[in-house]
N, C-alpha and C. Protein backbone atom coordinates (compact mmCIF):
# COMPACT_ATOMS: atom_id res chain seq x y z
N MET A 1 -21.62 114.75 -48.30
CA MET A 1 -21.89 114.55 -49.53
C MET A 1 -22.12 112.93 -49.38
N ASP A 2 -22.90 112.45 -50.22
CA ASP A 2 -22.87 111.44 -50.23
C ASP A 2 -21.82 110.79 -51.71
N TYR A 3 -21.65 109.40 -51.30
CA TYR A 3 -21.12 109.15 -53.13
C TYR A 3 -22.06 109.41 -53.88
N GLN A 4 -23.10 109.49 -55.00
CA GLN A 4 -23.61 109.53 -56.06
C GLN A 4 -23.44 111.06 -56.24
N GLY A 5 -23.36 111.73 -54.87
CA GLY A 5 -23.13 113.35 -55.08
C GLY A 5 -21.59 114.47 -55.14
N GLN A 6 -21.24 113.17 -55.09
CA GLN A 6 -19.44 113.31 -55.04
C GLN A 6 -18.46 113.18 -56.63
N LYS A 7 -19.23 111.43 -57.38
CA LYS A 7 -19.41 111.26 -59.02
C LYS A 7 -19.76 113.33 -59.20
N LEU A 8 -21.47 113.48 -58.95
CA LEU A 8 -22.33 114.36 -59.87
C LEU A 8 -20.82 115.57 -59.36
N SER A 9 -20.05 115.98 -59.09
CA SER A 9 -19.15 116.77 -58.63
C SER A 9 -18.40 116.88 -59.55
N GLU A 10 -18.05 115.24 -58.90
CA GLU A 10 -16.25 115.85 -59.53
C GLU A 10 -16.74 115.52 -61.42
N ASN A 11 -17.87 114.70 -62.15
CA ASN A 11 -17.97 114.73 -63.95
C ASN A 11 -18.06 116.85 -63.88
N LEU A 12 -19.10 116.89 -62.43
CA LEU A 12 -19.53 118.78 -63.69
C LEU A 12 -17.99 119.41 -63.53
N PHE A 13 -17.00 119.04 -62.11
CA PHE A 13 -15.28 120.23 -62.30
C PHE A 13 -15.22 119.40 -63.70
N TYR A 14 -14.67 118.06 -63.67
CA TYR A 14 -14.02 117.31 -65.53
C TYR A 14 -14.77 118.39 -66.59
N TYR A 15 -16.40 118.94 -66.80
CA TYR A 15 -16.71 119.15 -68.11
C TYR A 15 -16.73 120.60 -67.38
N ILE A 16 -16.81 121.51 -66.49
CA ILE A 16 -16.53 122.33 -66.72
C ILE A 16 -15.60 123.31 -67.04
N ILE A 17 -14.01 122.29 -66.54
CA ILE A 17 -12.82 122.44 -66.92
C ILE A 17 -12.57 121.92 -68.22
N ILE A 18 -13.25 121.05 -69.12
CA ILE A 18 -12.68 120.79 -70.22
C ILE A 18 -13.67 121.66 -71.41
N LEU A 19 -14.94 121.90 -70.93
CA LEU A 19 -15.45 123.46 -71.50
C LEU A 19 -15.06 124.46 -71.62
N PHE A 20 -14.51 125.24 -70.47
CA PHE A 20 -13.89 127.13 -70.16
C PHE A 20 -12.46 126.19 -71.54
N GLY A 21 -11.82 125.24 -70.95
CA GLY A 21 -10.36 124.83 -71.34
C GLY A 21 -10.21 125.10 -72.78
N SER A 22 -11.15 124.58 -73.62
CA SER A 22 -11.33 124.31 -74.94
C SER A 22 -11.92 125.19 -75.50
N ILE A 23 -12.75 126.11 -75.08
CA ILE A 23 -13.43 127.94 -75.65
C ILE A 23 -12.26 128.53 -75.56
N GLY A 24 -11.56 128.18 -74.61
CA GLY A 24 -10.45 129.32 -74.77
C GLY A 24 -9.45 129.17 -75.14
N TRP A 25 -8.99 127.72 -75.66
CA TRP A 25 -7.82 127.68 -76.38
C TRP A 25 -8.33 127.58 -77.87
N ILE A 26 -9.86 127.44 -78.44
CA ILE A 26 -9.90 127.77 -80.05
C ILE A 26 -10.20 129.59 -79.67
N TYR A 27 -11.00 130.46 -78.39
CA TYR A 27 -9.94 131.99 -78.93
C TYR A 27 -8.93 131.82 -79.23
N GLY A 28 -7.60 131.76 -78.25
CA GLY A 28 -6.45 131.97 -77.77
C GLY A 28 -5.55 131.62 -79.39
N TYR A 29 -6.17 130.65 -80.53
CA TYR A 29 -5.84 129.67 -81.16
C TYR A 29 -5.97 131.00 -82.38
N PHE A 30 -6.99 131.17 -82.45
CA PHE A 30 -7.11 132.12 -83.87
C PHE A 30 -6.83 133.90 -83.19
N LEU A 31 -6.80 134.00 -82.52
CA LEU A 31 -5.61 135.21 -81.88
C LEU A 31 -4.54 135.30 -81.74
N GLN A 32 -4.01 134.69 -81.44
CA GLN A 32 -2.33 133.62 -81.61
C GLN A 32 -2.70 134.12 -80.11
N ASP A 33 -2.81 134.29 -78.91
CA ASP A 33 -2.09 134.84 -78.13
C ASP A 33 -2.68 133.73 -76.87
N PHE A 34 -2.10 133.08 -75.80
CA PHE A 34 -1.60 131.82 -74.81
C PHE A 34 -2.43 132.04 -73.83
N THR A 35 -2.48 133.76 -73.86
CA THR A 35 -2.85 133.90 -72.41
C THR A 35 -4.62 134.28 -72.09
N TYR A 36 -5.50 134.05 -73.58
CA TYR A 36 -6.70 133.86 -73.33
C TYR A 36 -7.00 132.74 -72.93
N VAL A 37 -6.08 131.44 -73.07
CA VAL A 37 -6.05 130.02 -72.64
C VAL A 37 -6.60 130.08 -71.64
N PHE A 38 -4.95 130.78 -70.88
CA PHE A 38 -5.53 130.54 -69.45
C PHE A 38 -5.92 131.81 -68.60
N TYR A 39 -6.59 132.43 -68.83
CA TYR A 39 -7.67 133.23 -68.92
C TYR A 39 -9.02 132.72 -68.76
N SER A 40 -9.22 131.83 -69.85
CA SER A 40 -10.93 130.97 -69.55
C SER A 40 -10.74 129.47 -68.62
N TRP A 41 -9.42 129.53 -68.95
CA TRP A 41 -9.37 128.24 -67.94
C TRP A 41 -8.92 127.92 -66.24
N SER A 42 -9.13 129.19 -66.03
CA SER A 42 -8.72 130.32 -64.36
C SER A 42 -10.17 130.51 -64.09
N VAL A 43 -10.92 131.01 -65.23
CA VAL A 43 -12.88 131.55 -64.96
C VAL A 43 -12.76 129.94 -64.72
N GLY A 44 -12.76 129.25 -65.92
CA GLY A 44 -13.24 128.07 -65.23
C GLY A 44 -13.12 126.79 -64.11
N VAL A 45 -11.70 127.28 -63.67
CA VAL A 45 -11.50 126.19 -62.18
C VAL A 45 -11.91 127.37 -61.23
N ALA A 46 -12.33 128.80 -61.71
CA ALA A 46 -13.21 128.93 -60.28
C ALA A 46 -14.98 129.04 -60.62
N ILE A 47 -14.70 128.61 -61.22
CA ILE A 47 -16.73 128.82 -61.70
C ILE A 47 -16.56 126.87 -60.59
N SER A 48 -15.46 126.49 -60.74
CA SER A 48 -16.28 124.93 -60.58
C SER A 48 -15.30 124.65 -59.48
N VAL A 49 -14.98 125.52 -58.53
CA VAL A 49 -14.53 125.45 -57.22
C VAL A 49 -15.78 126.11 -56.57
N VAL A 50 -16.42 126.85 -56.96
CA VAL A 50 -17.92 127.54 -55.80
C VAL A 50 -18.53 126.49 -56.52
N LEU A 51 -18.88 125.87 -56.99
CA LEU A 51 -20.16 125.24 -57.46
C LEU A 51 -19.71 123.38 -57.07
N CYS A 52 -18.56 123.74 -56.60
CA CYS A 52 -17.66 121.91 -57.10
C CYS A 52 -17.87 121.40 -55.21
N VAL A 53 -16.92 122.33 -54.68
CA VAL A 53 -16.28 122.42 -53.33
C VAL A 53 -16.74 122.66 -51.99
N PRO A 54 -18.06 123.27 -52.02
CA PRO A 54 -19.03 123.23 -50.69
C PRO A 54 -19.70 122.06 -51.28
N ASP A 55 -20.66 121.91 -50.13
CA ASP A 55 -21.44 120.78 -50.22
C ASP A 55 -22.60 121.10 -49.72
N TRP A 56 -23.40 121.35 -51.46
CA TRP A 56 -24.49 121.80 -52.03
C TRP A 56 -25.56 120.81 -51.51
N PRO A 57 -26.83 121.29 -51.01
CA PRO A 57 -27.95 120.19 -51.20
C PRO A 57 -27.90 119.35 -51.81
N ILE A 58 -27.72 120.11 -53.55
CA ILE A 58 -27.59 118.92 -54.56
C ILE A 58 -26.96 117.38 -54.04
N TYR A 59 -25.43 117.68 -54.12
CA TYR A 59 -24.86 116.81 -52.97
C TYR A 59 -25.48 115.24 -52.34
N ASN A 60 -27.14 116.31 -51.59
CA ASN A 60 -26.71 115.13 -50.81
C ASN A 60 -28.07 114.49 -51.23
N ARG A 61 -28.61 113.95 -51.80
CA ARG A 61 -29.82 113.89 -52.06
C ARG A 61 -30.21 112.52 -52.73
N HIS A 62 -28.94 111.36 -51.87
CA HIS A 62 -29.53 110.34 -51.63
C HIS A 62 -28.27 109.15 -50.71
N PRO A 63 -28.85 110.14 -49.36
CA PRO A 63 -27.50 109.74 -48.09
C PRO A 63 -27.75 108.52 -47.49
N ILE A 64 -26.59 108.32 -46.80
CA ILE A 64 -26.13 106.79 -46.83
C ILE A 64 -26.55 106.57 -44.98
N LYS A 65 -28.01 104.61 -45.44
CA LYS A 65 -27.90 104.14 -44.31
C LYS A 65 -26.98 103.53 -43.30
N TRP A 66 -26.30 104.20 -41.79
CA TRP A 66 -25.26 103.16 -41.44
C TRP A 66 -26.39 102.10 -40.85
N LEU A 67 -25.84 101.02 -40.02
CA LEU A 67 -25.96 100.24 -39.84
C LEU A 67 -25.87 100.76 -37.85
N GLU A 68 -26.21 100.45 -37.56
CA GLU A 68 -26.24 100.49 -35.24
C GLU A 68 -25.17 99.62 -35.59
N SER A 69 -24.88 100.24 -34.68
CA SER A 69 -23.58 99.82 -34.16
C SER A 69 -23.52 99.06 -32.84
N ILE A 70 -23.04 97.82 -33.21
CA ILE A 70 -23.02 97.07 -32.54
C ILE A 70 -21.72 96.79 -31.05
N PRO A 71 -21.94 96.61 -30.36
CA PRO A 71 -21.23 97.56 -28.51
C PRO A 71 -19.82 96.26 -29.16
N ASP A 72 -18.98 96.78 -28.36
CA ASP A 72 -17.93 95.74 -28.26
C ASP A 72 -17.52 94.29 -27.04
N ARG A 73 -16.89 93.37 -27.70
CA ARG A 73 -16.72 91.81 -26.75
C ARG A 73 -16.02 92.50 -25.33
N GLY A 74 -14.95 93.72 -25.63
CA GLY A 74 -14.36 93.88 -24.66
C GLY A 74 -15.38 94.27 -23.33
N ASP A 75 -16.68 94.85 -23.24
CA ASP A 75 -17.44 95.50 -22.68
C ASP A 75 -17.79 94.41 -21.90
N ASP A 76 -18.25 93.45 -22.85
CA ASP A 76 -19.02 92.62 -22.25
C ASP A 76 -18.54 91.74 -21.04
N ASP A 77 -16.92 91.19 -21.70
CA ASP A 77 -16.16 90.70 -21.01
C ASP A 77 -16.03 91.43 -19.90
N ASP A 78 -15.98 93.07 -19.16
CA ASP A 78 -15.33 93.24 -17.94
C ASP A 78 -16.75 93.40 -17.34
N ASP A 79 -18.36 93.21 -17.71
CA ASP A 79 -19.57 93.66 -16.73
C ASP A 79 -19.42 92.10 -16.27
N GLU A 80 -19.11 90.43 -16.79
CA GLU A 80 -19.04 89.31 -16.57
C GLU A 80 -17.90 89.53 -15.34
N ASP A 81 -17.53 89.41 -15.50
CA ASP A 81 -16.12 88.79 -15.00
C ASP A 81 -16.28 90.33 -13.20
N GLU A 82 -17.04 91.21 -13.23
CA GLU A 82 -17.68 92.17 -12.05
C GLU A 82 -18.58 91.04 -11.77
N LYS A 83 -19.56 90.97 -12.52
CA LYS A 83 -20.50 89.73 -11.85
C LYS A 83 -19.63 88.79 -10.71
N LYS A 84 -18.20 88.19 -11.67
CA LYS A 84 -18.77 86.90 -11.14
C LYS A 84 -17.22 87.28 -9.56
N ASN A 85 -16.67 88.47 -9.80
CA ASN A 85 -16.56 88.89 -8.14
C ASN A 85 -17.23 89.69 -6.98
N LYS A 86 -18.29 89.97 -7.42
CA LYS A 86 -19.44 89.41 -5.93
C LYS A 86 -20.03 88.68 -5.75
């Protein structure tokens, strides 16, 4: 998952939780029952976990280009010491 994919996943998670929580709160307010708020929020959490936790291809649209590795200095010094000893 790249950095922009992480941002997309986090924003998607927040929007789903807020949407389901607010709909559940309004529905529970009119029915005067808090369990509807909890059920709605739980459904939102389950949907957001399915959409946001796995590494879906939509989160890998901008791959990171890494630099090539640089050899350690210690490796070069060992080679020079071996050449001097011969």
